[in-house]
Amino acid sequence: MSEEKNISIEDEVTEEIKEETSETAETPETEETAEADKAEETVAEEAAEEPAKEAEAKESEAEKKLADLNAKYMRLMADFQNQKKRFDKEKADLYQYANEKIVKSLLDVIDNFERALEASKDADPKLFEGMEMIFNQLMGALEKAGVSEIKALGEDFDPNFHNAVMMEETDEYESNKVSGVMQKGYTLNSRVIRPSMVKVAQ
């Protein structure tokens, strides 16, 4: 009986040692498995985040390209509008001043016509009247084309419209006033095509 008890006790001790050894061996494996699972989850999360980051980066790049295109479009539109305005102005100027050369050539004719009228005042009244009517008709046609005489006599001297050829002392006009017109000046559609040649009071 004593021997059987000893064997039984030995078996129980052996079993306890096995169980303890088994528990001790299983614990590290369980921890390692948990760590491995956690690592896999982290990798999976990172893998899931990468497409989102890539999509966000692509969206940001697309927005930047769109902004650049919009800026280029606005610049092109501004250039186009400026070019159109320049073209319209050049076109308008072409229509307004297309007759400038022929009008300039007629100014000398007008000067001579006025001298002839002045000289014929004391001649035949009917001749003078006829010449005056023709002159007024000519000036009316030029006025319709945009030609205007520059006001000078008694006006303040303006270098934009008057060309002073001499100064004179006079009590008739104040200082810096145009005291005499030696040659009339004209504008075509508000542009000076010939300034008035004038005398200016000191």
N, C-alpha and C. Protein backbone atom coordinates (compact mmCIF):
# COMPACT_ATOMS: atom_id res chain seq x y z
N MET A 1 0.84 -1.19 0.00
CA MET A 1 0.00 0.00 0.00
C MET A 1 0.87 1.23 0.00
N SER A 2 1.90 1.24 0.77
CA SER A 2 2.82 2.36 0.88
C SER A 2 3.44 2.67 -0.47
N GLU A 3 3.79 1.64 -1.23
CA GLU A 3 4.40 1.85 -2.55
C GLU A 3 3.41 2.43 -3.53
N GLU A 4 2.14 1.94 -3.46
CA GLU A 4 1.10 2.44 -4.37
C GLU A 4 0.85 3.92 -4.11
N LYS A 5 0.84 4.32 -2.82
CA LYS A 5 0.64 5.71 -2.49
C LYS A 5 1.78 6.56 -3.01
N ASN A 6 2.99 6.05 -2.85
CA ASN A 6 4.15 6.80 -3.35
C ASN A 6 4.06 7.01 -4.85
N ILE A 7 3.64 5.97 -5.58
CA ILE A 7 3.51 6.08 -7.05
C ILE A 7 2.44 7.09 -7.39
N SER A 8 1.34 7.03 -6.62
CA SER A 8 0.23 7.95 -6.89
C SER A 8 0.67 9.39 -6.66
N ILE A 9 1.41 9.59 -5.59
CA ILE A 9 1.88 10.96 -5.30
C ILE A 9 2.84 11.44 -6.38
N GLU A 10 3.70 10.55 -6.81
CA GLU A 10 4.65 10.91 -7.86
C GLU A 10 3.94 11.27 -9.14
N ASP A 11 2.86 10.46 -9.45
CA ASP A 11 2.09 10.76 -10.67
C ASP A 11 1.42 12.12 -10.59
N GLU A 12 0.87 12.44 -9.39
CA GLU A 12 0.20 13.72 -9.22
C GLU A 12 1.19 14.88 -9.38
N VAL A 13 2.36 14.71 -8.79
CA VAL A 13 3.39 15.75 -8.89
C VAL A 13 3.82 15.95 -10.34
N THR A 14 3.96 14.81 -11.04
CA THR A 14 4.37 14.86 -12.45
C THR A 14 3.33 15.59 -13.28
N GLU A 15 2.03 15.29 -12.98
CA GLU A 15 0.94 15.93 -13.72
C GLU A 15 0.92 17.43 -13.46
N GLU A 16 1.12 17.82 -12.19
CA GLU A 16 1.14 19.25 -11.86
C GLU A 16 2.27 19.97 -12.56
N ILE A 17 3.44 19.30 -12.60
CA ILE A 17 4.60 19.91 -13.29
C ILE A 17 4.30 20.10 -14.77
N LYS A 18 3.64 19.07 -15.36
CA LYS A 18 3.30 19.15 -16.79
C LYS A 18 2.33 20.30 -17.04
N GLU A 19 1.30 20.41 -16.15
CA GLU A 19 0.32 21.46 -16.33
C GLU A 19 0.97 22.84 -16.22
N GLU A 20 1.84 22.99 -15.18
CA GLU A 20 2.53 24.28 -15.02
C GLU A 20 3.41 24.60 -16.21
N THR A 21 4.11 23.56 -16.68
CA THR A 21 4.98 23.75 -17.85
C THR A 21 4.16 24.14 -19.08
N SER A 22 2.99 23.49 -19.21
CA SER A 22 2.11 23.76 -20.35
C SER A 22 1.58 25.17 -20.29
N GLU A 23 1.15 25.62 -19.09
CA GLU A 23 0.64 26.98 -18.94
C GLU A 23 1.73 28.02 -19.22
N THR A 24 2.94 27.70 -18.70
CA THR A 24 4.07 28.62 -18.92
C THR A 24 4.43 28.72 -20.39
N ALA A 25 4.32 27.62 -21.11
CA ALA A 25 4.67 27.59 -22.54
C ALA A 25 3.60 28.29 -23.38
N GLU A 26 2.33 28.15 -22.91
CA GLU A 26 1.24 28.73 -23.71
C GLU A 26 1.19 30.24 -23.61
N THR A 27 1.60 30.82 -22.49
CA THR A 27 1.48 32.27 -22.27
C THR A 27 2.25 33.10 -23.28
N PRO A 28 3.55 32.84 -23.52
CA PRO A 28 4.29 33.62 -24.51
C PRO A 28 3.69 33.50 -25.91
N GLU A 29 3.21 32.28 -26.24
CA GLU A 29 2.63 32.11 -27.57
C GLU A 29 1.39 32.99 -27.72
N THR A 30 0.58 33.08 -26.65
CA THR A 30 -0.62 33.91 -26.72
C THR A 30 -0.26 35.37 -26.88
N GLU A 31 0.72 35.88 -26.15
CA GLU A 31 1.16 37.27 -26.25
C GLU A 31 1.73 37.58 -27.63
N GLU A 32 2.52 36.64 -28.14
CA GLU A 32 3.10 36.83 -29.48
C GLU A 32 1.99 36.91 -30.54
N THR A 33 0.99 36.02 -30.37
CA THR A 33 -0.13 36.02 -31.33
C THR A 33 -0.88 37.35 -31.29
N ALA A 34 -1.11 37.86 -30.07
CA ALA A 34 -1.82 39.14 -29.93
C ALA A 34 -1.04 40.27 -30.57
N GLU A 35 0.29 40.26 -30.34
CA GLU A 35 1.12 41.30 -30.95
C GLU A 35 1.11 41.21 -32.47
N ALA A 36 1.13 39.96 -32.96
CA ALA A 36 1.09 39.76 -34.41
C ALA A 36 -0.23 40.25 -34.99
N ASP A 37 -1.33 39.93 -34.28
CA ASP A 37 -2.65 40.40 -34.74
C ASP A 37 -2.71 41.93 -34.76
N LYS A 38 -2.17 42.55 -33.71
CA LYS A 38 -2.17 44.02 -33.62
C LYS A 38 -1.35 44.64 -34.77
N ALA A 39 -0.20 44.01 -35.05
CA ALA A 39 0.64 44.50 -36.14
C ALA A 39 -0.08 44.39 -37.47
N GLU A 40 -0.81 43.27 -37.66
CA GLU A 40 -1.56 43.10 -38.90
C GLU A 40 -2.65 44.16 -39.02
N GLU A 41 -3.32 44.44 -37.88
CA GLU A 41 -4.36 45.47 -37.90
C GLU A 41 -3.78 46.84 -38.26
N THR A 42 -2.59 47.15 -37.69
CA THR A 42 -1.94 48.43 -37.98
C THR A 42 -1.59 48.55 -39.46
N VAL A 43 -1.04 47.45 -40.00
CA VAL A 43 -0.68 47.44 -41.43
C VAL A 43 -1.93 47.62 -42.29
N ALA A 44 -3.02 46.93 -41.88
CA ALA A 44 -4.27 47.03 -42.63
C ALA A 44 -4.82 48.46 -42.59
N GLU A 45 -4.74 49.09 -41.39
CA GLU A 45 -5.21 50.47 -41.27
C GLU A 45 -4.39 51.42 -42.14
N GLU A 46 -3.06 51.23 -42.09
CA GLU A 46 -2.19 52.08 -42.91
C GLU A 46 -2.46 51.88 -44.40
N ALA A 47 -2.69 50.59 -44.76
CA ALA A 47 -3.00 50.30 -46.16
C ALA A 47 -4.31 50.94 -46.59
N ALA A 48 -5.27 50.99 -45.65
CA ALA A 48 -6.56 51.61 -45.96
C ALA A 48 -6.44 53.13 -46.04
N GLU A 49 -5.51 53.72 -45.24
CA GLU A 49 -5.33 55.17 -45.25
C GLU A 49 -4.60 55.66 -46.49
N GLU A 50 -3.71 54.84 -47.06
CA GLU A 50 -2.90 55.26 -48.21
C GLU A 50 -3.74 55.70 -49.42
N PRO A 51 -4.76 54.91 -49.82
CA PRO A 51 -5.59 55.37 -50.95
C PRO A 51 -6.28 56.70 -50.68
N ALA A 52 -6.72 56.89 -49.42
CA ALA A 52 -7.38 58.16 -49.06
C ALA A 52 -6.41 59.32 -49.18
N LYS A 53 -5.16 59.11 -48.70
CA LYS A 53 -4.14 60.16 -48.80
C LYS A 53 -3.81 60.46 -50.25
N GLU A 54 -3.69 59.39 -51.06
CA GLU A 54 -3.40 59.58 -52.48
C GLU A 54 -4.52 60.34 -53.18
N ALA A 55 -5.78 59.98 -52.82
CA ALA A 55 -6.93 60.67 -53.41
C ALA A 55 -6.94 62.14 -53.01
N GLU A 56 -6.62 62.41 -51.75
CA GLU A 56 -6.58 63.79 -51.26
C GLU A 56 -5.49 64.58 -51.97
N ALA A 57 -4.32 63.95 -52.17
CA ALA A 57 -3.21 64.62 -52.85
C ALA A 57 -3.57 64.92 -54.31
N LYS A 58 -4.24 63.94 -54.96
CA LYS A 58 -4.65 64.14 -56.36
C LYS A 58 -5.69 65.26 -56.46
N GLU A 59 -6.61 65.29 -55.49
CA GLU A 59 -7.64 66.33 -55.49
C GLU A 59 -7.02 67.72 -55.31
N SER A 60 -6.03 67.81 -54.40
CA SER A 60 -5.35 69.06 -54.17
C SER A 60 -4.59 69.51 -55.42
N GLU A 61 -3.94 68.57 -56.08
CA GLU A 61 -3.20 68.89 -57.30
C GLU A 61 -4.15 69.34 -58.41
N ALA A 62 -5.32 68.66 -58.50
CA ALA A 62 -6.31 69.04 -59.51
C ALA A 62 -6.85 70.44 -59.25
N GLU A 63 -7.09 70.77 -57.97
CA GLU A 63 -7.57 72.10 -57.62
C GLU A 63 -6.54 73.17 -57.99
N LYS A 64 -5.26 72.86 -57.75
CA LYS A 64 -4.19 73.80 -58.08
C LYS A 64 -4.11 74.03 -59.59
N LYS A 65 -4.22 72.93 -60.36
CA LYS A 65 -4.19 73.05 -61.82
C LYS A 65 -5.38 73.86 -62.32
N LEU A 66 -6.56 73.63 -61.70
CA LEU A 66 -7.75 74.38 -62.09
C LEU A 66 -7.59 75.87 -61.80
N ALA A 67 -7.01 76.18 -60.64
CA ALA A 67 -6.76 77.58 -60.29
C ALA A 67 -5.79 78.23 -61.28
N ASP A 68 -4.74 77.49 -61.67
CA ASP A 68 -3.78 78.01 -62.65
C ASP A 68 -4.46 78.26 -64.00
N LEU A 69 -5.30 77.30 -64.40
CA LEU A 69 -6.00 77.46 -65.67
C LEU A 69 -6.95 78.66 -65.64
N ASN A 70 -7.64 78.83 -64.52
CA ASN A 70 -8.54 79.97 -64.38
C ASN A 70 -7.77 81.29 -64.46
N ALA A 71 -6.59 81.33 -63.80
CA ALA A 71 -5.77 82.55 -63.83
C ALA A 71 -5.30 82.84 -65.27
N LYS A 72 -4.87 81.79 -65.98
CA LYS A 72 -4.44 81.97 -67.37
C LYS A 72 -5.61 82.44 -68.23
N TYR A 73 -6.78 81.87 -67.99
CA TYR A 73 -7.97 82.25 -68.75
C TYR A 73 -8.30 83.72 -68.53
N MET A 74 -8.24 84.16 -67.26
CA MET A 74 -8.55 85.55 -66.94
C MET A 74 -7.55 86.49 -67.60
N ARG A 75 -6.25 86.10 -67.60
CA ARG A 75 -5.23 86.93 -68.25
C ARG A 75 -5.48 87.02 -69.76
N LEU A 76 -5.82 85.88 -70.35
CA LEU A 76 -6.09 85.87 -71.79
C LEU A 76 -7.31 86.72 -72.12
N MET A 77 -8.34 86.64 -71.28
CA MET A 77 -9.54 87.45 -71.50
C MET A 77 -9.22 88.94 -71.39
N ALA A 78 -8.39 89.29 -70.38
CA ALA A 78 -8.00 90.70 -70.21
C ALA A 78 -7.20 91.18 -71.42
N ASP A 79 -6.26 90.35 -71.89
CA ASP A 79 -5.47 90.71 -73.08
C ASP A 79 -6.37 90.86 -74.30
N PHE A 80 -7.33 89.95 -74.42
CA PHE A 80 -8.26 90.01 -75.56
C PHE A 80 -9.09 91.29 -75.52
N GLN A 81 -9.60 91.63 -74.34
CA GLN A 81 -10.40 92.84 -74.20
C GLN A 81 -9.58 94.10 -74.52
N ASN A 82 -8.33 94.13 -74.01
CA ASN A 82 -7.46 95.27 -74.30
C ASN A 82 -7.15 95.39 -75.79
N GLN A 83 -6.90 94.24 -76.40
CA GLN A 83 -6.61 94.24 -77.84
C GLN A 83 -7.84 94.69 -78.63
N LYS A 84 -9.01 94.24 -78.19
CA LYS A 84 -10.26 94.62 -78.86
C LYS A 84 -10.50 96.13 -78.74
N LYS A 85 -10.22 96.68 -77.54
CA LYS A 85 -10.39 98.13 -77.34
C LYS A 85 -9.44 98.91 -78.24
N ARG A 86 -8.17 98.42 -78.31
CA ARG A 86 -7.20 99.09 -79.18
C ARG A 86 -7.64 99.04 -80.64
N PHE A 87 -8.14 97.86 -81.04
CA PHE A 87 -8.59 97.70 -82.43
C PHE A 87 -9.77 98.61 -82.72
N ASP A 88 -10.73 98.66 -81.78
CA ASP A 88 -11.90 99.52 -81.97
C ASP A 88 -11.50 101.00 -82.05
N LYS A 89 -10.52 101.39 -81.19
CA LYS A 89 -10.07 102.78 -81.21
C LYS A 89 -9.37 103.11 -82.53
N GLU A 90 -8.51 102.18 -82.98
CA GLU A 90 -7.82 102.39 -84.25
C GLU A 90 -8.81 102.47 -85.41
N LYS A 91 -9.85 101.62 -85.33
CA LYS A 91 -10.87 101.63 -86.37
C LYS A 91 -11.64 102.95 -86.36
N ALA A 92 -11.99 103.41 -85.14
CA ALA A 92 -12.71 104.69 -85.02
C ALA A 92 -11.84 105.85 -85.50
N ASP A 93 -10.55 105.81 -85.11
CA ASP A 93 -9.63 106.87 -85.56
C ASP A 93 -9.49 106.88 -87.08
N LEU A 94 -9.49 105.67 -87.65
CA LEU A 94 -9.37 105.58 -89.11
C LEU A 94 -10.54 106.25 -89.80
N TYR A 95 -11.74 106.02 -89.25
CA TYR A 95 -12.93 106.68 -89.83
C TYR A 95 -12.92 108.18 -89.58
N GLN A 96 -12.52 108.56 -88.34
CA GLN A 96 -12.58 109.98 -87.98
C GLN A 96 -11.55 110.82 -88.71
N TYR A 97 -10.35 110.23 -88.91
CA TYR A 97 -9.25 111.03 -89.46
C TYR A 97 -8.82 110.56 -90.86
N ALA A 98 -9.70 109.81 -91.51
CA ALA A 98 -9.36 109.34 -92.85
C ALA A 98 -9.20 110.50 -93.83
N ASN A 99 -9.92 111.62 -93.55
CA ASN A 99 -9.88 112.78 -94.45
C ASN A 99 -8.83 113.81 -94.05
N GLU A 100 -7.99 113.47 -93.07
CA GLU A 100 -7.05 114.47 -92.55
C GLU A 100 -6.12 115.03 -93.62
N LYS A 101 -5.60 114.18 -94.47
CA LYS A 101 -4.65 114.64 -95.49
C LYS A 101 -5.31 115.60 -96.47
N ILE A 102 -6.50 115.21 -96.93
CA ILE A 102 -7.17 116.08 -97.91
C ILE A 102 -7.63 117.39 -97.28
N VAL A 103 -8.04 117.33 -96.00
CA VAL A 103 -8.44 118.56 -95.30
C VAL A 103 -7.24 119.48 -95.15
N LYS A 104 -6.09 118.93 -94.77
CA LYS A 104 -4.88 119.74 -94.62
C LYS A 104 -4.52 120.43 -95.94
N SER A 105 -4.68 119.69 -97.02
CA SER A 105 -4.34 120.28 -98.33
C SER A 105 -5.32 121.39 -98.71
N LEU A 106 -6.55 121.32 -98.19
CA LEU A 106 -7.55 122.34 -98.49
C LEU A 106 -7.37 123.61 -97.66
N LEU A 107 -6.62 123.50 -96.54
CA LEU A 107 -6.46 124.67 -95.68
C LEU A 107 -5.77 125.82 -96.40
N ASP A 108 -4.78 125.52 -97.21
CA ASP A 108 -4.11 126.57 -97.98
C ASP A 108 -5.08 127.21 -98.98
N VAL A 109 -5.96 126.39 -99.57
CA VAL A 109 -6.96 126.91 -100.50
C VAL A 109 -7.90 127.87 -99.77
N ILE A 110 -8.30 127.47 -98.54
CA ILE A 110 -9.19 128.32 -97.73
C ILE A 110 -8.50 129.65 -97.40
N ASP A 111 -7.20 129.57 -97.03
CA ASP A 111 -6.45 130.80 -96.73
C ASP A 111 -6.48 131.76 -97.94
N ASN A 112 -6.20 131.22 -99.11
CA ASN A 112 -6.18 132.05 -100.32
C ASN A 112 -7.58 132.58 -100.67
N PHE A 113 -8.58 131.76 -100.42
CA PHE A 113 -9.96 132.17 -100.68
C PHE A 113 -10.32 133.36 -99.79
N GLU A 114 -9.93 133.30 -98.52
CA GLU A 114 -10.21 134.40 -97.60
C GLU A 114 -9.48 135.68 -98.02
N ARG A 115 -8.25 135.53 -98.49
CA ARG A 115 -7.50 136.71 -98.95
C ARG A 115 -8.19 137.33 -100.17
N ALA A 116 -8.69 136.45 -101.05
CA ALA A 116 -9.38 136.95 -102.24
C ALA A 116 -10.67 137.67 -101.86
N LEU A 117 -11.38 137.15 -100.87
CA LEU A 117 -12.59 137.82 -100.40
C LEU A 117 -12.27 139.19 -99.81
N GLU A 118 -11.21 139.24 -99.01
CA GLU A 118 -10.81 140.49 -98.38
C GLU A 118 -10.44 141.52 -99.44
N ALA A 119 -9.78 141.09 -100.48
CA ALA A 119 -9.34 142.01 -101.54
C ALA A 119 -10.49 142.46 -102.44
N SER A 120 -11.56 141.63 -102.50
CA SER A 120 -12.67 141.96 -103.41
C SER A 120 -13.81 142.70 -102.72
N LYS A 121 -13.60 143.12 -101.49
CA LYS A 121 -14.66 143.86 -100.77
C LYS A 121 -15.02 145.16 -101.49
N ASP A 122 -14.00 145.81 -101.99
CA ASP A 122 -14.23 147.10 -102.64
C ASP A 122 -14.51 146.94 -104.13
N ALA A 123 -14.56 145.70 -104.64
CA ALA A 123 -14.83 145.46 -106.06
C ALA A 123 -16.34 145.34 -106.28
N ASP A 124 -16.73 144.66 -107.31
CA ASP A 124 -18.15 144.48 -107.65
C ASP A 124 -18.87 143.78 -106.50
N PRO A 125 -19.89 144.40 -105.92
CA PRO A 125 -20.61 143.79 -104.78
C PRO A 125 -21.21 142.43 -105.10
N LYS A 126 -21.70 142.26 -106.34
CA LYS A 126 -22.29 140.97 -106.71
C LYS A 126 -21.22 139.87 -106.78
N LEU A 127 -20.07 140.24 -107.29
CA LEU A 127 -18.95 139.28 -107.34
C LEU A 127 -18.56 138.87 -105.93
N PHE A 128 -18.46 139.86 -105.05
CA PHE A 128 -18.10 139.57 -103.66
C PHE A 128 -19.16 138.68 -103.01
N GLU A 129 -20.41 138.97 -103.24
CA GLU A 129 -21.49 138.19 -102.65
C GLU A 129 -21.45 136.73 -103.14
N GLY A 130 -21.20 136.58 -104.45
CA GLY A 130 -21.13 135.22 -105.03
C GLY A 130 -19.96 134.43 -104.45
N MET A 131 -18.80 135.07 -104.35
CA MET A 131 -17.62 134.40 -103.79
C MET A 131 -17.84 134.04 -102.32
N GLU A 132 -18.50 134.94 -101.61
CA GLU A 132 -18.76 134.68 -100.18
C GLU A 132 -19.69 133.48 -100.01
N MET A 133 -20.68 133.37 -100.87
CA MET A 133 -21.61 132.24 -100.81
C MET A 133 -20.87 130.92 -101.07
N ILE A 134 -19.96 130.93 -102.04
CA ILE A 134 -19.18 129.72 -102.35
C ILE A 134 -18.28 129.35 -101.17
N PHE A 135 -17.66 130.38 -100.59
CA PHE A 135 -16.77 130.14 -99.44
C PHE A 135 -17.56 129.53 -98.27
N ASN A 136 -18.73 130.10 -97.98
CA ASN A 136 -19.55 129.57 -96.87
C ASN A 136 -20.01 128.14 -97.14
N GLN A 137 -20.28 127.85 -98.41
CA GLN A 137 -20.68 126.49 -98.79
C GLN A 137 -19.52 125.52 -98.55
N LEU A 138 -18.32 125.94 -98.93
CA LEU A 138 -17.13 125.11 -98.72
C LEU A 138 -16.90 124.86 -97.23
N MET A 139 -16.98 125.92 -96.41
CA MET A 139 -16.76 125.78 -94.97
C MET A 139 -17.86 124.91 -94.32
N GLY A 140 -19.09 125.02 -94.84
CA GLY A 140 -20.18 124.18 -94.32
C GLY A 140 -19.91 122.71 -94.57
N ALA A 141 -19.38 122.39 -95.76
CA ALA A 141 -19.06 121.00 -96.08
C ALA A 141 -17.94 120.48 -95.18
N LEU A 142 -16.95 121.33 -94.91
CA LEU A 142 -15.84 120.93 -94.04
C LEU A 142 -16.31 120.75 -92.59
N GLU A 143 -17.22 121.60 -92.15
CA GLU A 143 -17.75 121.47 -90.80
C GLU A 143 -18.50 120.15 -90.63
N LYS A 144 -19.24 119.74 -91.66
CA LYS A 144 -19.94 118.46 -91.61
C LYS A 144 -18.96 117.29 -91.53
N ALA A 145 -17.78 117.49 -92.08
CA ALA A 145 -16.74 116.45 -92.04
C ALA A 145 -15.97 116.47 -90.73
N GLY A 146 -16.29 117.42 -89.81
CA GLY A 146 -15.64 117.47 -88.50
C GLY A 146 -14.59 118.53 -88.34
N VAL A 147 -14.47 119.45 -89.34
CA VAL A 147 -13.47 120.52 -89.29
C VAL A 147 -14.04 121.72 -88.54
N SER A 148 -13.25 122.26 -87.61
CA SER A 148 -13.67 123.46 -86.86
C SER A 148 -12.50 124.43 -86.77
N GLU A 149 -12.84 125.73 -86.83
CA GLU A 149 -11.82 126.76 -86.67
C GLU A 149 -11.48 126.92 -85.19
N ILE A 150 -10.20 127.08 -84.88
CA ILE A 150 -9.76 127.27 -83.50
C ILE A 150 -9.99 128.73 -83.11
N LYS A 151 -10.68 128.93 -82.00
CA LYS A 151 -10.87 130.30 -81.50
C LYS A 151 -9.54 130.83 -81.00
N ALA A 152 -9.20 132.04 -81.37
CA ALA A 152 -7.89 132.58 -81.00
C ALA A 152 -7.96 134.03 -80.52
N LEU A 153 -8.46 134.91 -81.31
CA LEU A 153 -8.42 136.34 -80.98
C LEU A 153 -9.16 136.63 -79.67
N GLY A 154 -8.42 137.24 -78.75
CA GLY A 154 -8.98 137.59 -77.45
C GLY A 154 -8.99 136.46 -76.45
N GLU A 155 -8.58 135.28 -76.87
CA GLU A 155 -8.55 134.11 -75.96
C GLU A 155 -7.22 134.06 -75.23
N ASP A 156 -7.20 133.34 -74.08
CA ASP A 156 -5.93 133.09 -73.39
C ASP A 156 -5.03 132.26 -74.28
N PHE A 157 -3.76 132.61 -74.28
CA PHE A 157 -2.81 131.85 -75.10
C PHE A 157 -2.72 130.41 -74.58
N ASP A 158 -2.90 129.45 -75.48
CA ASP A 158 -2.83 128.03 -75.15
C ASP A 158 -1.89 127.35 -76.14
N PRO A 159 -0.73 126.89 -75.67
CA PRO A 159 0.24 126.29 -76.60
C PRO A 159 -0.27 125.02 -77.28
N ASN A 160 -1.35 124.43 -76.75
CA ASN A 160 -1.93 123.25 -77.39
C ASN A 160 -2.68 123.61 -78.67
N PHE A 161 -3.10 124.88 -78.76
CA PHE A 161 -3.88 125.30 -79.93
C PHE A 161 -3.27 126.49 -80.67
N HIS A 162 -2.38 127.21 -79.99
CA HIS A 162 -1.83 128.45 -80.58
C HIS A 162 -0.31 128.34 -80.73
N ASN A 163 0.18 128.88 -81.82
CA ASN A 163 1.61 128.96 -82.06
C ASN A 163 2.01 130.44 -82.07
N ALA A 164 2.63 130.87 -80.96
CA ALA A 164 2.98 132.29 -80.83
C ALA A 164 4.21 132.60 -81.68
N VAL A 165 4.07 133.55 -82.58
CA VAL A 165 5.19 133.93 -83.44
C VAL A 165 5.81 135.26 -83.00
N MET A 166 5.08 136.02 -82.17
CA MET A 166 5.62 137.28 -81.67
C MET A 166 4.80 137.77 -80.47
N MET A 167 5.45 138.62 -79.66
CA MET A 167 4.79 139.30 -78.54
C MET A 167 4.65 140.78 -78.91
N GLU A 168 3.57 141.41 -78.43
CA GLU A 168 3.39 142.83 -78.73
C GLU A 168 2.78 143.55 -77.53
N GLU A 169 3.14 144.80 -77.42
CA GLU A 169 2.55 145.63 -76.37
C GLU A 169 1.27 146.24 -76.91
N THR A 170 0.19 146.09 -76.17
CA THR A 170 -1.11 146.61 -76.60
C THR A 170 -1.98 146.89 -75.38
N ASP A 171 -2.77 147.96 -75.50
CA ASP A 171 -3.71 148.28 -74.43
C ASP A 171 -5.08 147.63 -74.69
N GLU A 172 -5.23 147.05 -75.86
CA GLU A 172 -6.53 146.48 -76.24
C GLU A 172 -6.78 145.13 -75.56
N TYR A 173 -5.70 144.38 -75.30
CA TYR A 173 -5.85 143.05 -74.71
C TYR A 173 -4.98 142.92 -73.47
N GLU A 174 -5.43 142.11 -72.54
CA GLU A 174 -4.66 141.86 -71.32
C GLU A 174 -3.44 141.00 -71.65
N SER A 175 -2.53 140.98 -70.68
CA SER A 175 -1.30 140.19 -70.86
C SER A 175 -1.65 138.71 -71.05
N ASN A 176 -0.92 138.06 -71.95
CA ASN A 176 -1.07 136.63 -72.28
C ASN A 176 -2.35 136.32 -73.06
N LYS A 177 -3.00 137.35 -73.55
CA LYS A 177 -4.15 137.15 -74.43
C LYS A 177 -3.67 137.19 -75.88
N VAL A 178 -4.37 136.48 -76.76
CA VAL A 178 -4.04 136.52 -78.18
C VAL A 178 -4.53 137.85 -78.75
N SER A 179 -3.59 138.64 -79.22
CA SER A 179 -3.92 140.01 -79.69
C SER A 179 -4.06 140.09 -81.21
N GLY A 180 -3.65 139.05 -81.90
CA GLY A 180 -3.76 139.07 -83.36
C GLY A 180 -3.59 137.66 -83.93
N VAL A 181 -4.27 137.39 -85.06
CA VAL A 181 -4.18 136.07 -85.71
C VAL A 181 -3.55 136.27 -87.08
N MET A 182 -2.41 135.63 -87.28
CA MET A 182 -1.71 135.74 -88.55
C MET A 182 -2.10 134.61 -89.50
N GLN A 183 -2.49 133.49 -88.94
CA GLN A 183 -3.00 132.37 -89.76
C GLN A 183 -3.96 131.55 -88.90
N LYS A 184 -5.13 131.29 -89.43
CA LYS A 184 -6.13 130.55 -88.66
C LYS A 184 -5.70 129.09 -88.45
N GLY A 185 -6.14 128.56 -87.31
CA GLY A 185 -5.88 127.16 -87.01
C GLY A 185 -7.17 126.35 -87.07
N TYR A 186 -7.03 125.03 -87.25
CA TYR A 186 -8.22 124.18 -87.39
C TYR A 186 -8.03 122.86 -86.64
N THR A 187 -9.18 122.29 -86.25
CA THR A 187 -9.19 120.95 -85.66
C THR A 187 -10.06 120.04 -86.52
N LEU A 188 -9.74 118.76 -86.49
CA LEU A 188 -10.55 117.75 -87.17
C LEU A 188 -11.00 116.75 -86.11
N ASN A 189 -12.31 116.77 -85.83
CA ASN A 189 -12.85 115.90 -84.77
C ASN A 189 -12.08 116.07 -83.47
N SER A 190 -11.87 117.34 -83.10
CA SER A 190 -11.21 117.75 -81.84
C SER A 190 -9.70 117.54 -81.84
N ARG A 191 -9.13 117.03 -82.91
CA ARG A 191 -7.68 116.89 -83.00
C ARG A 191 -7.11 118.08 -83.79
N VAL A 192 -6.08 118.71 -83.24
CA VAL A 192 -5.47 119.86 -83.92
C VAL A 192 -4.73 119.38 -85.16
N ILE A 193 -5.15 119.90 -86.31
CA ILE A 193 -4.43 119.55 -87.55
C ILE A 193 -3.55 120.71 -88.01
N ARG A 194 -3.85 121.93 -87.48
CA ARG A 194 -2.97 123.08 -87.70
C ARG A 194 -3.24 124.10 -86.60
N PRO A 195 -2.22 124.42 -85.79
CA PRO A 195 -2.42 125.43 -84.73
C PRO A 195 -2.52 126.83 -85.33
N SER A 196 -3.13 127.71 -84.60
CA SER A 196 -3.23 129.11 -85.05
C SER A 196 -1.91 129.83 -84.85
N MET A 197 -1.46 130.56 -85.85
CA MET A 197 -0.27 131.40 -85.72
C MET A 197 -0.73 132.74 -85.18
N VAL A 198 -0.25 133.12 -84.00
CA VAL A 198 -0.83 134.30 -83.32
C VAL A 198 0.24 135.24 -82.76
N LYS A 199 -0.25 136.46 -82.47
CA LYS A 199 0.53 137.42 -81.69
C LYS A 199 -0.07 137.44 -80.28
N VAL A 200 0.81 137.56 -79.29
CA VAL A 200 0.36 137.51 -77.89
C VAL A 200 0.70 138.82 -77.20
N ALA A 201 -0.28 139.33 -76.43
CA ALA A 201 -0.07 140.59 -75.70
C ALA A 201 0.86 140.37 -74.53
N GLN A 202 1.76 141.35 -74.36
CA GLN A 202 2.71 141.24 -73.23
C GLN A 202 2.04 141.64 -71.92
